[in-house]
Amino acid sequence: MIIIGGEGHGSVIEACISDNRKRYGDDEWEVKGFCNDFDKEVIGYPVLGKLTDIPELARQSYYFAWGVHLIGNNFKTKELYDKLNIPKERLATIVHHSAFISESAVLGPGCLVMYNAFIDPRTQIGECTMIKANTCIGHDCVIGSLSHIAMGVTLASYTQMGICSDAALGSTTIEHVKIGECAMLGAGSLLTHDIPEGEIWVGSPAKFLKRFVK
């Protein structure tokens, strides 16, 4: 499989796959290289092509992991993903063996679930969403595609996150709140009210900070 992106989120994906292979004997995925428009090599792996080469790489039977997030703002991340039109059947879903995922939870194609993540019953997670280490996601949450849940985040039950939304490091929500499409809850924040589309909220309780510019 090929990781789309660079050494930031890309190295996290590679670490998850490598640890599953080394500690748990899980050979489902093997990283062959990266795909981006800027590098020739990433963390010792070759860059096998540019983003425009993805259709040809897919025809060569490669699978892909999405490692791109926050290119200036969340709207641009979504625009790039839509433009690339990666075949859904070629998206690699990667789950670390230390994670707990309820049998009734649903992961979309291309999700990444990292070390010690906990996902409760009936939660639905959209394609290519990244769930980082030591996160706790309550029951009946709905998380849109391309979202990012950073390390140490707690999402209470019935939380909703729109497409390409972000819960930053150590943030927390109460039940029945919504983070809108392409919106962000800042690091260490406590969300007690809905965040509208494209806005950044920070603090405890979280309040409006600014808007992403489309």
N, C-alpha and C. Protein backbone atom coordinates (compact mmCIF):
# COMPACT_ATOMS: atom_id res chain seq x y z
N MET A 1 0.83 -1.19 0.00
CA MET A 1 0.00 0.00 0.00
C MET A 1 0.87 1.25 0.00
N ILE A 2 0.28 2.36 -0.42
CA ILE A 2 0.97 3.64 -0.55
C ILE A 2 0.28 4.65 0.36
N ILE A 3 1.08 5.42 1.08
CA ILE A 3 0.56 6.47 1.94
C ILE A 3 0.55 7.78 1.17
N ILE A 4 -0.60 8.41 1.08
CA ILE A 4 -0.73 9.71 0.42
C ILE A 4 -0.47 10.78 1.47
N GLY A 5 0.62 11.54 1.28
CA GLY A 5 0.98 12.57 2.24
C GLY A 5 2.47 12.59 2.49
N GLY A 6 2.85 13.19 3.63
CA GLY A 6 4.26 13.32 3.97
C GLY A 6 4.57 12.73 5.32
N GLU A 7 5.62 13.24 5.95
CA GLU A 7 6.12 12.61 7.17
C GLU A 7 5.29 12.92 8.41
N GLY A 8 4.36 13.86 8.35
CA GLY A 8 3.52 14.17 9.50
C GLY A 8 2.57 13.03 9.81
N HIS A 9 1.34 13.12 9.28
CA HIS A 9 0.38 12.04 9.48
C HIS A 9 0.85 10.75 8.81
N GLY A 10 1.62 10.87 7.73
CA GLY A 10 2.10 9.68 7.05
C GLY A 10 2.96 8.79 7.92
N SER A 11 3.80 9.39 8.74
CA SER A 11 4.66 8.59 9.62
C SER A 11 3.84 7.90 10.71
N VAL A 12 2.71 8.51 11.11
CA VAL A 12 1.81 7.88 12.09
C VAL A 12 1.20 6.61 11.50
N ILE A 13 0.73 6.72 10.26
CA ILE A 13 0.17 5.56 9.58
C ILE A 13 1.21 4.45 9.45
N GLU A 14 2.41 4.82 9.03
CA GLU A 14 3.48 3.83 8.87
C GLU A 14 3.82 3.17 10.20
N ALA A 15 3.85 3.95 11.29
CA ALA A 15 4.16 3.39 12.60
C ALA A 15 3.12 2.37 13.04
N CYS A 16 1.85 2.66 12.75
CA CYS A 16 0.77 1.74 13.11
C CYS A 16 0.92 0.42 12.37
N ILE A 17 1.16 0.50 11.07
CA ILE A 17 1.32 -0.71 10.26
C ILE A 17 2.54 -1.50 10.71
N SER A 18 3.65 -0.82 10.92
CA SER A 18 4.88 -1.50 11.32
C SER A 18 4.73 -2.19 12.68
N ASP A 19 4.06 -1.52 13.62
CA ASP A 19 3.88 -2.12 14.94
C ASP A 19 2.96 -3.34 14.87
N ASN A 20 1.89 -3.25 14.08
CA ASN A 20 1.02 -4.41 13.91
C ASN A 20 1.78 -5.60 13.32
N ARG A 21 2.69 -5.32 12.40
CA ARG A 21 3.46 -6.40 11.77
C ARG A 21 4.47 -7.00 12.75
N LYS A 22 5.18 -6.13 13.50
CA LYS A 22 6.26 -6.60 14.36
C LYS A 22 5.76 -7.25 15.64
N ARG A 23 4.79 -6.62 16.30
CA ARG A 23 4.34 -7.12 17.61
C ARG A 23 3.20 -8.12 17.52
N TYR A 24 2.40 -8.03 16.46
CA TYR A 24 1.19 -8.86 16.40
C TYR A 24 1.18 -9.82 15.21
N GLY A 25 2.24 -9.79 14.40
CA GLY A 25 2.30 -10.70 13.26
C GLY A 25 1.23 -10.46 12.22
N ASP A 26 0.73 -9.23 12.14
CA ASP A 26 -0.34 -8.88 11.21
C ASP A 26 0.29 -8.35 9.92
N ASP A 27 0.24 -9.16 8.87
CA ASP A 27 0.85 -8.78 7.59
C ASP A 27 -0.16 -8.31 6.56
N GLU A 28 -1.34 -7.86 7.02
CA GLU A 28 -2.35 -7.43 6.06
C GLU A 28 -1.85 -6.29 5.19
N TRP A 29 -1.13 -5.34 5.81
CA TRP A 29 -0.64 -4.19 5.06
C TRP A 29 0.88 -4.10 5.14
N GLU A 30 1.47 -3.67 4.05
CA GLU A 30 2.90 -3.40 3.98
C GLU A 30 3.10 -2.11 3.20
N VAL A 31 3.81 -1.17 3.80
CA VAL A 31 4.05 0.11 3.15
C VAL A 31 5.13 -0.05 2.08
N LYS A 32 4.79 0.32 0.85
CA LYS A 32 5.75 0.27 -0.25
C LYS A 32 6.33 1.65 -0.56
N GLY A 33 5.64 2.69 -0.14
CA GLY A 33 6.15 4.02 -0.41
C GLY A 33 5.08 5.07 -0.16
N PHE A 34 5.40 6.30 -0.58
CA PHE A 34 4.52 7.45 -0.39
C PHE A 34 4.15 8.05 -1.74
N CYS A 35 3.15 8.91 -1.70
CA CYS A 35 2.73 9.64 -2.88
C CYS A 35 2.49 11.09 -2.48
N ASN A 36 3.26 12.01 -3.04
CA ASN A 36 3.02 13.44 -2.85
C ASN A 36 3.76 14.22 -3.93
N ASP A 37 3.55 15.52 -3.96
CA ASP A 37 4.10 16.34 -5.04
C ASP A 37 5.41 17.02 -4.68
N PHE A 38 5.99 16.71 -3.53
CA PHE A 38 7.10 17.52 -3.04
C PHE A 38 8.38 16.75 -2.77
N ASP A 39 8.29 15.50 -2.38
CA ASP A 39 9.45 14.76 -1.88
C ASP A 39 9.89 13.66 -2.84
N LYS A 40 11.11 13.21 -2.67
CA LYS A 40 11.60 12.02 -3.35
C LYS A 40 11.67 10.82 -2.41
N GLU A 41 11.71 11.13 -1.10
CA GLU A 41 11.78 10.09 -0.09
C GLU A 41 11.13 10.60 1.19
N VAL A 42 10.42 9.72 1.90
CA VAL A 42 9.79 10.08 3.17
C VAL A 42 10.09 8.99 4.18
N ILE A 43 10.70 9.36 5.30
CA ILE A 43 11.10 8.45 6.39
C ILE A 43 11.68 7.13 5.86
N GLY A 44 12.53 7.25 4.86
CA GLY A 44 13.23 6.09 4.31
C GLY A 44 12.49 5.35 3.21
N TYR A 45 11.27 5.75 2.91
CA TYR A 45 10.49 5.10 1.84
C TYR A 45 10.54 5.97 0.58
N PRO A 46 10.53 5.36 -0.60
CA PRO A 46 10.51 6.15 -1.83
C PRO A 46 9.16 6.78 -2.07
N VAL A 47 9.17 7.94 -2.72
CA VAL A 47 7.93 8.53 -3.22
C VAL A 47 7.70 7.95 -4.61
N LEU A 48 6.62 7.20 -4.74
CA LEU A 48 6.37 6.41 -5.94
C LEU A 48 5.62 7.18 -7.02
N GLY A 49 5.21 8.39 -6.72
CA GLY A 49 4.53 9.18 -7.72
C GLY A 49 3.93 10.43 -7.13
N LYS A 50 3.46 11.30 -8.02
CA LYS A 50 2.75 12.51 -7.62
C LYS A 50 1.27 12.20 -7.48
N LEU A 51 0.51 13.18 -6.98
CA LEU A 51 -0.92 12.96 -6.78
C LEU A 51 -1.63 12.63 -8.09
N THR A 52 -1.14 13.21 -9.19
CA THR A 52 -1.74 12.91 -10.49
C THR A 52 -1.49 11.48 -10.94
N ASP A 53 -0.56 10.79 -10.30
CA ASP A 53 -0.26 9.41 -10.66
C ASP A 53 -1.15 8.39 -9.95
N ILE A 54 -2.03 8.85 -9.05
CA ILE A 54 -2.85 7.92 -8.26
C ILE A 54 -3.69 6.99 -9.13
N PRO A 55 -4.36 7.47 -10.20
CA PRO A 55 -5.13 6.53 -11.03
C PRO A 55 -4.28 5.39 -11.60
N GLU A 56 -3.07 5.71 -12.06
CA GLU A 56 -2.20 4.67 -12.60
C GLU A 56 -1.72 3.73 -11.50
N LEU A 57 -1.39 4.26 -10.33
CA LEU A 57 -0.97 3.42 -9.22
C LEU A 57 -2.10 2.50 -8.77
N ALA A 58 -3.33 2.99 -8.82
CA ALA A 58 -4.48 2.15 -8.48
C ALA A 58 -4.62 1.01 -9.48
N ARG A 59 -4.36 1.29 -10.76
CA ARG A 59 -4.43 0.23 -11.76
C ARG A 59 -3.35 -0.82 -11.56
N GLN A 60 -2.29 -0.45 -10.83
CA GLN A 60 -1.21 -1.40 -10.51
C GLN A 60 -1.51 -2.20 -9.24
N SER A 61 -2.75 -2.10 -8.77
CA SER A 61 -3.24 -2.88 -7.61
C SER A 61 -2.74 -2.39 -6.27
N TYR A 62 -2.23 -1.17 -6.20
CA TYR A 62 -1.87 -0.59 -4.91
C TYR A 62 -3.14 -0.17 -4.15
N TYR A 63 -3.06 -0.26 -2.84
CA TYR A 63 -4.05 0.34 -1.96
C TYR A 63 -3.46 1.64 -1.41
N PHE A 64 -4.34 2.50 -0.85
CA PHE A 64 -3.89 3.82 -0.41
C PHE A 64 -4.37 4.12 1.01
N ALA A 65 -3.50 4.82 1.76
CA ALA A 65 -3.88 5.36 3.06
C ALA A 65 -3.82 6.89 2.96
N TRP A 66 -4.88 7.55 3.42
CA TRP A 66 -4.98 9.00 3.33
C TRP A 66 -4.30 9.63 4.53
N GLY A 67 -3.21 10.35 4.30
CA GLY A 67 -2.45 10.96 5.38
C GLY A 67 -2.34 12.47 5.23
N VAL A 68 -3.35 13.10 4.65
CA VAL A 68 -3.35 14.55 4.42
C VAL A 68 -4.42 15.19 5.28
N HIS A 69 -4.07 16.27 5.97
CA HIS A 69 -5.06 17.00 6.77
C HIS A 69 -4.60 18.42 7.01
N LEU A 70 -5.54 19.33 6.97
CA LEU A 70 -5.29 20.74 7.27
C LEU A 70 -4.22 21.36 6.37
N ILE A 71 -4.53 21.43 5.08
CA ILE A 71 -3.65 22.11 4.14
C ILE A 71 -4.06 23.59 4.14
N GLY A 72 -3.61 24.33 5.12
CA GLY A 72 -4.04 25.72 5.24
C GLY A 72 -5.37 25.82 5.95
N ASN A 73 -6.35 25.05 5.52
CA ASN A 73 -7.61 24.94 6.26
C ASN A 73 -8.37 23.71 5.79
N ASN A 74 -9.40 23.35 6.54
CA ASN A 74 -10.10 22.10 6.28
C ASN A 74 -10.83 22.08 4.94
N PHE A 75 -11.30 23.24 4.48
CA PHE A 75 -11.98 23.28 3.19
C PHE A 75 -11.05 22.81 2.06
N LYS A 76 -9.79 23.22 2.12
CA LYS A 76 -8.84 22.83 1.07
C LYS A 76 -8.54 21.34 1.12
N THR A 77 -8.51 20.77 2.32
CA THR A 77 -8.31 19.33 2.43
C THR A 77 -9.43 18.58 1.71
N LYS A 78 -10.65 19.00 1.96
CA LYS A 78 -11.80 18.35 1.32
C LYS A 78 -11.76 18.53 -0.19
N GLU A 79 -11.42 19.72 -0.66
CA GLU A 79 -11.35 19.97 -2.10
C GLU A 79 -10.32 19.06 -2.77
N LEU A 80 -9.16 18.89 -2.12
CA LEU A 80 -8.12 18.04 -2.69
C LEU A 80 -8.59 16.59 -2.76
N TYR A 81 -9.19 16.10 -1.69
CA TYR A 81 -9.64 14.72 -1.66
C TYR A 81 -10.68 14.47 -2.75
N ASP A 82 -11.63 15.37 -2.89
CA ASP A 82 -12.66 15.20 -3.92
C ASP A 82 -12.06 15.22 -5.31
N LYS A 83 -11.06 16.06 -5.53
CA LYS A 83 -10.42 16.18 -6.84
C LYS A 83 -9.68 14.90 -7.21
N LEU A 84 -9.06 14.25 -6.24
CA LEU A 84 -8.27 13.05 -6.53
C LEU A 84 -9.13 11.85 -6.89
N ASN A 85 -10.35 11.80 -6.37
CA ASN A 85 -11.29 10.73 -6.73
C ASN A 85 -10.66 9.34 -6.57
N ILE A 86 -10.12 9.07 -5.40
CA ILE A 86 -9.48 7.78 -5.13
C ILE A 86 -10.54 6.68 -5.10
N PRO A 87 -10.35 5.58 -5.81
CA PRO A 87 -11.36 4.51 -5.78
C PRO A 87 -11.59 4.00 -4.36
N LYS A 88 -12.85 3.96 -3.94
CA LYS A 88 -13.18 3.54 -2.57
C LYS A 88 -12.65 2.15 -2.27
N GLU A 89 -12.69 1.27 -3.28
CA GLU A 89 -12.25 -0.11 -3.05
C GLU A 89 -10.74 -0.21 -2.89
N ARG A 90 -10.03 0.91 -3.10
CA ARG A 90 -8.58 0.92 -2.95
C ARG A 90 -8.13 1.68 -1.70
N LEU A 91 -9.05 1.99 -0.80
CA LEU A 91 -8.70 2.66 0.45
C LEU A 91 -8.42 1.62 1.54
N ALA A 92 -7.27 1.73 2.17
CA ALA A 92 -6.86 0.78 3.21
C ALA A 92 -7.39 1.22 4.57
N THR A 93 -8.15 0.36 5.22
CA THR A 93 -8.60 0.60 6.60
C THR A 93 -7.60 -0.04 7.54
N ILE A 94 -7.04 0.76 8.45
CA ILE A 94 -5.91 0.32 9.29
C ILE A 94 -6.29 0.51 10.75
N VAL A 95 -6.26 -0.57 11.51
CA VAL A 95 -6.65 -0.54 12.92
C VAL A 95 -5.54 -1.17 13.76
N HIS A 96 -5.04 -0.43 14.73
CA HIS A 96 -4.03 -1.00 15.62
C HIS A 96 -4.67 -2.05 16.52
N HIS A 97 -3.92 -3.10 16.82
CA HIS A 97 -4.47 -4.24 17.56
C HIS A 97 -4.80 -3.91 19.02
N SER A 98 -4.29 -2.80 19.54
CA SER A 98 -4.61 -2.43 20.92
C SER A 98 -5.93 -1.67 21.03
N ALA A 99 -6.53 -1.30 19.90
CA ALA A 99 -7.77 -0.53 19.92
C ALA A 99 -8.96 -1.43 20.25
N PHE A 100 -9.98 -0.84 20.91
CA PHE A 100 -11.26 -1.53 21.11
C PHE A 100 -12.30 -0.88 20.23
N ILE A 101 -12.94 -1.68 19.39
CA ILE A 101 -14.01 -1.19 18.52
C ILE A 101 -15.21 -2.10 18.71
N SER A 102 -16.32 -1.55 19.14
CA SER A 102 -17.53 -2.34 19.34
C SER A 102 -17.95 -3.03 18.04
N GLU A 103 -18.54 -4.21 18.18
CA GLU A 103 -18.99 -4.96 17.00
C GLU A 103 -20.05 -4.19 16.21
N SER A 104 -20.80 -3.32 16.86
CA SER A 104 -21.85 -2.58 16.16
C SER A 104 -21.37 -1.24 15.62
N ALA A 105 -20.13 -0.87 15.90
CA ALA A 105 -19.58 0.35 15.31
C ALA A 105 -19.25 0.10 13.84
N VAL A 106 -19.29 1.16 13.04
CA VAL A 106 -19.05 1.04 11.60
C VAL A 106 -17.92 1.97 11.21
N LEU A 107 -16.89 1.40 10.58
CA LEU A 107 -15.78 2.19 10.07
C LEU A 107 -15.89 2.27 8.55
N GLY A 108 -15.82 3.47 8.01
CA GLY A 108 -15.80 3.62 6.56
C GLY A 108 -14.46 3.23 6.00
N PRO A 109 -14.38 3.02 4.68
CA PRO A 109 -13.11 2.65 4.06
C PRO A 109 -12.05 3.72 4.28
N GLY A 110 -10.83 3.27 4.49
CA GLY A 110 -9.71 4.19 4.62
C GLY A 110 -9.51 4.80 5.99
N CYS A 111 -10.27 4.35 7.01
CA CYS A 111 -10.08 4.88 8.36
C CYS A 111 -8.77 4.39 8.96
N LEU A 112 -8.21 5.22 9.85
CA LEU A 112 -7.06 4.83 10.67
C LEU A 112 -7.47 4.92 12.12
N VAL A 113 -7.28 3.83 12.89
CA VAL A 113 -7.57 3.82 14.32
C VAL A 113 -6.28 3.42 15.03
N MET A 114 -5.78 4.32 15.88
CA MET A 114 -4.46 4.14 16.47
C MET A 114 -4.51 3.48 17.85
N TYR A 115 -3.34 3.47 18.50
CA TYR A 115 -3.12 2.78 19.77
C TYR A 115 -4.14 3.16 20.83
N ASN A 116 -4.69 2.16 21.51
CA ASN A 116 -5.55 2.36 22.68
C ASN A 116 -6.78 3.22 22.42
N ALA A 117 -7.22 3.30 21.20
CA ALA A 117 -8.48 4.00 20.91
C ALA A 117 -9.65 3.13 21.38
N PHE A 118 -10.73 3.79 21.79
CA PHE A 118 -11.92 3.10 22.30
C PHE A 118 -13.13 3.65 21.57
N ILE A 119 -13.88 2.78 20.88
CA ILE A 119 -15.03 3.20 20.10
C ILE A 119 -16.24 2.40 20.54
N ASP A 120 -17.23 3.10 21.07
CA ASP A 120 -18.41 2.47 21.67
C ASP A 120 -19.43 2.01 20.62
N PRO A 121 -20.49 1.30 21.08
CA PRO A 121 -21.48 0.75 20.15
C PRO A 121 -22.18 1.80 19.29
N ARG A 122 -22.53 1.37 18.08
CA ARG A 122 -23.37 2.08 17.12
C ARG A 122 -22.78 3.38 16.61
N THR A 123 -21.53 3.62 16.90
CA THR A 123 -20.87 4.80 16.35
C THR A 123 -20.52 4.56 14.89
N GLN A 124 -20.70 5.59 14.08
CA GLN A 124 -20.41 5.51 12.65
C GLN A 124 -19.31 6.50 12.30
N ILE A 125 -18.30 6.01 11.59
CA ILE A 125 -17.13 6.83 11.26
C ILE A 125 -16.93 6.81 9.75
N GLY A 126 -16.86 7.98 9.15
CA GLY A 126 -16.77 8.11 7.70
C GLY A 126 -15.39 7.77 7.16
N GLU A 127 -15.32 7.67 5.85
CA GLU A 127 -14.11 7.23 5.18
C GLU A 127 -12.94 8.18 5.42
N CYS A 128 -11.76 7.57 5.53
CA CYS A 128 -10.49 8.28 5.66
C CYS A 128 -10.41 9.20 6.87
N THR A 129 -11.19 8.91 7.90
CA THR A 129 -11.07 9.64 9.16
C THR A 129 -9.92 9.04 9.97
N MET A 130 -9.16 9.90 10.64
CA MET A 130 -8.02 9.48 11.45
C MET A 130 -8.38 9.61 12.93
N ILE A 131 -8.27 8.50 13.65
CA ILE A 131 -8.54 8.48 15.09
C ILE A 131 -7.23 8.13 15.78
N LYS A 132 -6.69 9.10 16.49
CA LYS A 132 -5.34 8.95 17.03
C LYS A 132 -5.34 8.20 18.37
N ALA A 133 -4.17 8.12 19.01
CA ALA A 133 -3.96 7.30 20.20
C ALA A 133 -4.73 7.83 21.41
N ASN A 134 -5.15 6.88 22.27
CA ASN A 134 -5.75 7.20 23.58
C ASN A 134 -7.00 8.07 23.46
N THR A 135 -7.80 7.81 22.45
CA THR A 135 -9.06 8.52 22.28
C THR A 135 -10.21 7.67 22.80
N CYS A 136 -11.30 8.34 23.18
CA CYS A 136 -12.49 7.66 23.67
C CYS A 136 -13.71 8.25 22.95
N ILE A 137 -14.40 7.40 22.19
CA ILE A 137 -15.56 7.85 21.42
C ILE A 137 -16.78 7.11 21.93
N GLY A 138 -17.75 7.85 22.45
CA GLY A 138 -18.93 7.27 23.07
C GLY A 138 -19.88 6.63 22.07
N HIS A 139 -20.95 6.06 22.58
CA HIS A 139 -21.89 5.36 21.73
C HIS A 139 -22.74 6.33 20.91
N ASP A 140 -23.17 5.85 19.75
CA ASP A 140 -24.08 6.58 18.87
C ASP A 140 -23.52 7.91 18.36
N CYS A 141 -22.22 7.99 18.23
CA CYS A 141 -21.63 9.16 17.60
C CYS A 141 -21.65 8.98 16.08
N VAL A 142 -21.68 10.09 15.36
CA VAL A 142 -21.61 10.08 13.90
C VAL A 142 -20.50 11.03 13.48
N ILE A 143 -19.48 10.49 12.83
CA ILE A 143 -18.29 11.26 12.49
C ILE A 143 -18.12 11.23 10.98
N GLY A 144 -18.08 12.38 10.35
CA GLY A 144 -18.01 12.47 8.91
C GLY A 144 -16.67 12.06 8.35
N SER A 145 -16.63 11.86 7.06
CA SER A 145 -15.40 11.47 6.38
C SER A 145 -14.34 12.55 6.47
N LEU A 146 -13.07 12.13 6.38
CA LEU A 146 -11.91 13.03 6.36
C LEU A 146 -11.71 13.79 7.65
N SER A 147 -12.35 13.36 8.73
CA SER A 147 -12.20 14.07 10.00
C SER A 147 -10.94 13.62 10.72
N HIS A 148 -10.57 14.37 11.73
CA HIS A 148 -9.34 14.11 12.48
C HIS A 148 -9.63 14.22 13.97
N ILE A 149 -9.41 13.13 14.69
CA ILE A 149 -9.61 13.10 16.14
C ILE A 149 -8.24 12.88 16.76
N ALA A 150 -7.69 13.91 17.37
CA ALA A 150 -6.31 13.91 17.83
C ALA A 150 -6.14 13.11 19.13
N MET A 151 -4.90 12.97 19.55
CA MET A 151 -4.57 12.19 20.74
C MET A 151 -5.28 12.72 21.98
N GLY A 152 -5.83 11.79 22.78
CA GLY A 152 -6.42 12.14 24.05
C GLY A 152 -7.79 12.78 23.98
N VAL A 153 -8.44 12.76 22.83
CA VAL A 153 -9.77 13.36 22.69
C VAL A 153 -10.83 12.44 23.30
N THR A 154 -11.85 13.05 23.92
CA THR A 154 -13.03 12.32 24.41
C THR A 154 -14.27 12.92 23.76
N LEU A 155 -14.96 12.09 22.99
CA LEU A 155 -16.23 12.49 22.40
C LEU A 155 -17.34 11.79 23.15
N ALA A 156 -18.19 12.54 23.82
CA ALA A 156 -19.29 11.94 24.56
C ALA A 156 -20.32 11.37 23.59
N SER A 157 -21.20 10.52 24.10
CA SER A 157 -22.20 9.86 23.28
C SER A 157 -23.05 10.87 22.51
N TYR A 158 -23.45 10.49 21.32
CA TYR A 158 -24.30 11.27 20.43
C TYR A 158 -23.62 12.52 19.87
N THR A 159 -22.31 12.62 20.01
CA THR A 159 -21.59 13.70 19.35
C THR A 159 -21.63 13.50 17.84
N GLN A 160 -21.75 14.59 17.11
CA GLN A 160 -21.68 14.54 15.65
C GLN A 160 -20.53 15.42 15.17
N MET A 161 -19.81 14.92 14.17
CA MET A 161 -18.75 15.70 13.53
C MET A 161 -18.99 15.68 12.03
N GLY A 162 -18.98 16.86 11.41
CA GLY A 162 -19.21 16.94 9.98
C GLY A 162 -18.00 16.52 9.17
N ILE A 163 -18.16 16.51 7.87
CA ILE A 163 -17.07 16.14 6.97
C ILE A 163 -15.88 17.05 7.18
N CYS A 164 -14.69 16.45 7.27
CA CYS A 164 -13.42 17.18 7.38
C CYS A 164 -13.38 18.10 8.60
N SER A 165 -13.97 17.64 9.69
CA SER A 165 -13.93 18.40 10.95
C SER A 165 -12.78 17.89 11.82
N ASP A 166 -12.52 18.62 12.89
CA ASP A 166 -11.32 18.34 13.67
C ASP A 166 -11.58 18.53 15.16
N ALA A 167 -11.21 17.52 15.96
CA ALA A 167 -11.16 17.65 17.42
C ALA A 167 -9.69 17.58 17.81
N ALA A 168 -9.14 18.70 18.25
CA ALA A 168 -7.70 18.80 18.48
C ALA A 168 -7.29 18.17 19.81
N LEU A 169 -6.02 18.12 20.03
CA LEU A 169 -5.37 17.41 21.13
C LEU A 169 -6.05 17.64 22.47
N GLY A 170 -6.50 16.54 23.10
CA GLY A 170 -7.04 16.60 24.44
C GLY A 170 -8.37 17.29 24.59
N SER A 171 -9.09 17.53 23.52
CA SER A 171 -10.39 18.21 23.62
C SER A 171 -11.48 17.23 24.03
N THR A 172 -12.62 17.78 24.50
CA THR A 172 -13.72 16.98 25.04
C THR A 172 -15.04 17.59 24.60
N THR A 173 -16.03 16.74 24.36
CA THR A 173 -17.39 17.22 24.10
C THR A 173 -18.33 16.67 25.16
N ILE A 174 -19.43 17.39 25.39
CA ILE A 174 -20.52 16.80 26.15
C ILE A 174 -21.45 16.10 25.16
N GLU A 175 -22.48 15.41 25.64
CA GLU A 175 -23.37 14.68 24.75
C GLU A 175 -24.21 15.62 23.89
N HIS A 176 -24.59 15.10 22.71
CA HIS A 176 -25.55 15.76 21.81
C HIS A 176 -25.06 17.11 21.27
N VAL A 177 -23.78 17.26 21.07
CA VAL A 177 -23.29 18.47 20.41
C VAL A 177 -22.74 18.12 19.03
N LYS A 178 -22.59 19.14 18.20
CA LYS A 178 -22.15 18.92 16.82
C LYS A 178 -21.00 19.86 16.47
N ILE A 179 -19.97 19.28 15.86
CA ILE A 179 -18.89 20.05 15.25
C ILE A 179 -19.18 20.08 13.76
N GLY A 180 -19.43 21.26 13.20
CA GLY A 180 -19.89 21.37 11.83
C GLY A 180 -18.84 20.97 10.80
N GLU A 181 -19.28 20.88 9.56
CA GLU A 181 -18.38 20.52 8.46
C GLU A 181 -17.22 21.49 8.38
N CYS A 182 -16.01 20.94 8.24
CA CYS A 182 -14.79 21.73 8.11
C CYS A 182 -14.57 22.68 9.29
N ALA A 183 -15.05 22.30 10.47
CA ALA A 183 -14.88 23.10 11.69
C ALA A 183 -13.87 22.44 12.62
N MET A 184 -13.46 23.18 13.66
CA MET A 184 -12.44 22.67 14.58
C MET A 184 -12.76 23.02 16.03
N LEU A 185 -12.57 22.03 16.91
CA LEU A 185 -12.56 22.25 18.35
C LEU A 185 -11.10 22.27 18.79
N GLY A 186 -10.67 23.38 19.40
CA GLY A 186 -9.26 23.57 19.71
C GLY A 186 -8.74 22.67 20.80
N ALA A 187 -7.42 22.59 20.90
CA ALA A 187 -6.74 21.72 21.86
C ALA A 187 -7.16 22.05 23.29
N GLY A 188 -7.46 21.01 24.07
CA GLY A 188 -7.80 21.17 25.47
C GLY A 188 -9.15 21.80 25.74
N SER A 189 -9.97 21.97 24.72
CA SER A 189 -11.25 22.67 24.87
C SER A 189 -12.37 21.74 25.30
N LEU A 190 -13.41 22.33 25.91
CA LEU A 190 -14.62 21.60 26.29
C LEU A 190 -15.79 22.17 25.51
N LEU A 191 -16.40 21.34 24.66
CA LEU A 191 -17.49 21.81 23.82
C LEU A 191 -18.84 21.54 24.49
N THR A 192 -19.60 22.61 24.69
CA THR A 192 -20.93 22.50 25.30
C THR A 192 -22.03 22.97 24.37
N HIS A 193 -21.67 23.56 23.21
CA HIS A 193 -22.63 24.03 22.22
C HIS A 193 -22.14 23.65 20.82
N ASP A 194 -23.04 23.63 19.86
CA ASP A 194 -22.68 23.28 18.49
C ASP A 194 -21.71 24.30 17.89
N ILE A 195 -20.78 23.79 17.06
CA ILE A 195 -19.88 24.65 16.29
C ILE A 195 -20.39 24.71 14.86
N PRO A 196 -20.69 25.89 14.32
CA PRO A 196 -21.15 25.98 12.93
C PRO A 196 -20.05 25.61 11.94
N GLU A 197 -20.43 25.37 10.71
CA GLU A 197 -19.50 25.02 9.64
C GLU A 197 -18.38 26.04 9.53
N GLY A 198 -17.15 25.52 9.41
CA GLY A 198 -16.00 26.35 9.09
C GLY A 198 -15.48 27.22 10.20
N GLU A 199 -15.95 27.03 11.45
CA GLU A 199 -15.50 27.87 12.56
C GLU A 199 -14.54 27.12 13.48
N ILE A 200 -13.69 27.86 14.16
CA ILE A 200 -12.78 27.33 15.17
C ILE A 200 -13.24 27.85 16.53
N TRP A 201 -13.46 26.93 17.46
CA TRP A 201 -13.84 27.28 18.83
C TRP A 201 -12.78 26.76 19.78
N VAL A 202 -12.48 27.55 20.82
CA VAL A 202 -11.46 27.15 21.79
C VAL A 202 -11.91 27.55 23.20
N GLY A 203 -11.31 26.90 24.21
CA GLY A 203 -11.55 27.26 25.59
C GLY A 203 -12.44 26.28 26.32
N SER A 204 -12.65 26.56 27.61
CA SER A 204 -13.48 25.69 28.45
C SER A 204 -14.40 26.57 29.31
N PRO A 205 -15.68 26.72 28.92
CA PRO A 205 -16.30 26.11 27.74
C PRO A 205 -15.82 26.77 26.45
N ALA A 206 -15.88 26.02 25.35
CA ALA A 206 -15.38 26.52 24.07
C ALA A 206 -16.24 27.66 23.55
N LYS A 207 -15.56 28.66 22.98
CA LYS A 207 -16.23 29.81 22.37
C LYS A 207 -15.60 30.11 21.01
N PHE A 208 -16.32 30.86 20.20
CA PHE A 208 -15.87 31.18 18.85
C PHE A 208 -14.52 31.92 18.88
N LEU A 209 -13.59 31.48 18.00
CA LEU A 209 -12.30 32.16 17.85
C LEU A 209 -12.23 32.85 16.49
N LYS A 210 -12.41 32.09 15.42
CA LYS A 210 -12.35 32.65 14.06
C LYS A 210 -12.91 31.65 13.07
N ARG A 211 -13.04 32.10 11.82
CA ARG A 211 -13.50 31.23 10.75
C ARG A 211 -12.35 30.85 9.84
N PHE A 212 -12.41 29.61 9.31
CA PHE A 212 -11.53 29.27 8.20
C PHE A 212 -11.98 30.06 6.97
N VAL A 213 -11.04 30.45 6.14
CA VAL A 213 -11.35 31.14 4.90
C VAL A 213 -11.38 30.13 3.77
N LYS A 214 -12.48 30.12 3.01
CA LYS A 214 -12.58 29.18 1.89
C LYS A 214 -11.65 29.60 0.78
